Amino acid sequence: MKRGVSFEIPNSHGNYLGGILRTIDISSYNWRMDGEAYLVENGELKEPLLQS
């Protein structure tokens, strides 16, 4: 089973993701970082945000 989360945040300086995740009790979950993050413009995937 795959699960995921997507966010649409302003393209400006700030700590938006931190504000979203602050509301979650992260100690209640087992976390695994796996996958990819991409910039999305006008509903289309653009370049990856994280390079390996």
C-alpha atoms as a PDB file:
ATOM      1  CA  MET A   1       0.000   0.000   0.000  1.00  0.00           C
ATOM      2  CA  LYS A   2       1.366   3.406  -0.956  1.00  0.00           C
ATOM      3  CA  ARG A   3       0.521   6.537   0.923  1.00  0.00           C
ATOM      4  CA  GLY A   4       1.625  10.039   0.285  1.00  0.00           C
ATOM      5  CA  VAL A   5       1.168  13.678   1.067  1.00  0.00           C
ATOM      6  CA  SER A   6       1.234  16.632  -1.252  1.00  0.00           C
ATOM      7  CA  PHE A   7       1.282  20.309  -0.404  1.00  0.00           C
ATOM      8  CA  GLU A   8       0.697  23.436  -2.408  1.00  0.00           C
ATOM      9  CA  ILE A   9       2.528  26.324  -0.767  1.00  0.00           C
ATOM     10  CA  PRO A  10       3.432  29.856  -1.867  1.00  0.00           C
ATOM     11  CA  ASN A  11       6.620  30.343  -3.846  1.00  0.00           C
ATOM     12  CA  SER A  12       8.134  32.683  -1.265  1.00  0.00           C
ATOM     13  CA  HIS A  13      10.398  32.650   1.763  1.00  0.00           C
ATOM     14  CA  GLY A  14       8.969  31.045   4.881  1.00  0.00           C
ATOM     15  CA  ASN A  15       8.648  27.929   6.974  1.00  0.00           C
ATOM     16  CA  TYR A  16       5.386  26.626   5.530  1.00  0.00           C
ATOM     17  CA  LEU A  17       6.109  22.901   5.776  1.00  0.00           C
ATOM     18  CA  GLY A  18       7.277  23.325   9.376  1.00  0.00           C
ATOM     19  CA  GLY A  19       3.960  24.982  10.212  1.00  0.00           C
ATOM     20  CA  ILE A  20       1.995  22.155   8.615  1.00  0.00           C
ATOM     21  CA  LEU A  21       3.989  19.384  10.296  1.00  0.00           C
ATOM     22  CA  ARG A  22       3.987  21.132  13.701  1.00  0.00           C
ATOM     23  CA  THR A  23       0.331  20.106  14.098  1.00  0.00           C
ATOM     24  CA  ILE A  24       1.195  16.377  13.878  1.00  0.00           C
ATOM     25  CA  ASP A  25       2.406  14.384  16.885  1.00  0.00           C
ATOM     26  CA  ILE A  26       5.362  12.863  15.041  1.00  0.00           C
ATOM     27  CA  SER A  27       6.215  10.536  17.930  1.00  0.00           C
ATOM     28  CA  SER A  28       3.001   8.603  17.193  1.00  0.00           C
ATOM     29  CA  TYR A  29       4.279   7.381  13.818  1.00  0.00           C
ATOM     30  CA  ASN A  30       7.125   5.409  12.293  1.00  0.00           C
ATOM     31  CA  TRP A  31       8.709   7.578   9.616  1.00  0.00           C
ATOM     32  CA  ARG A  32      10.477   6.490   6.467  1.00  0.00           C
ATOM     33  CA  MET A  33      11.822   8.878   3.898  1.00  0.00           C
ATOM     34  CA  ASP A  34      11.444   7.336   0.483  1.00  0.00           C
ATOM     35  CA  GLY A  35      10.465   8.784  -2.799  1.00  0.00           C
ATOM     36  CA  GLU A  36      10.913  11.960  -4.732  1.00  0.00           C
ATOM     37  CA  ALA A  37      10.015  15.629  -4.524  1.00  0.00           C
ATOM     38  CA  TYR A  38       9.311  17.703  -7.609  1.00  0.00           C
ATOM     39  CA  LEU A  39       8.483  21.264  -8.414  1.00  0.00           C
ATOM     40  CA  VAL A  40       4.985  21.488  -9.914  1.00  0.00           C
ATOM     41  CA  GLU A  41       4.046  24.398 -12.177  1.00  0.00           C
ATOM     42  CA  ASN A  42       0.590  24.750 -13.681  1.00  0.00           C
ATOM     43  CA  GLY A  43      -0.218  21.172 -12.703  1.00  0.00           C
ATOM     44  CA  GLU A  44       2.843  19.742 -14.472  1.00  0.00           C
ATOM     45  CA  LEU A  45       5.891  18.091 -12.879  1.00  0.00           C
ATOM     46  CA  LYS A  46       9.114  20.000 -13.390  1.00  0.00           C
ATOM     47  CA  GLU A  47      12.661  19.293 -12.156  1.00  0.00           C
ATOM     48  CA  PRO A  48      13.313  17.277  -8.982  1.00  0.00           C
ATOM     49  CA  LEU A  49      13.783  19.364  -5.821  1.00  0.00           C
ATOM     50  CA  LEU A  50      16.326  16.966  -4.332  1.00  0.00           C
ATOM     51  CA  GLN A  51      19.226  15.663  -6.360  1.00  0.00           C
ATOM     52  CA  SER A  52      20.894  12.353  -5.431  1.00  0.00           C
END
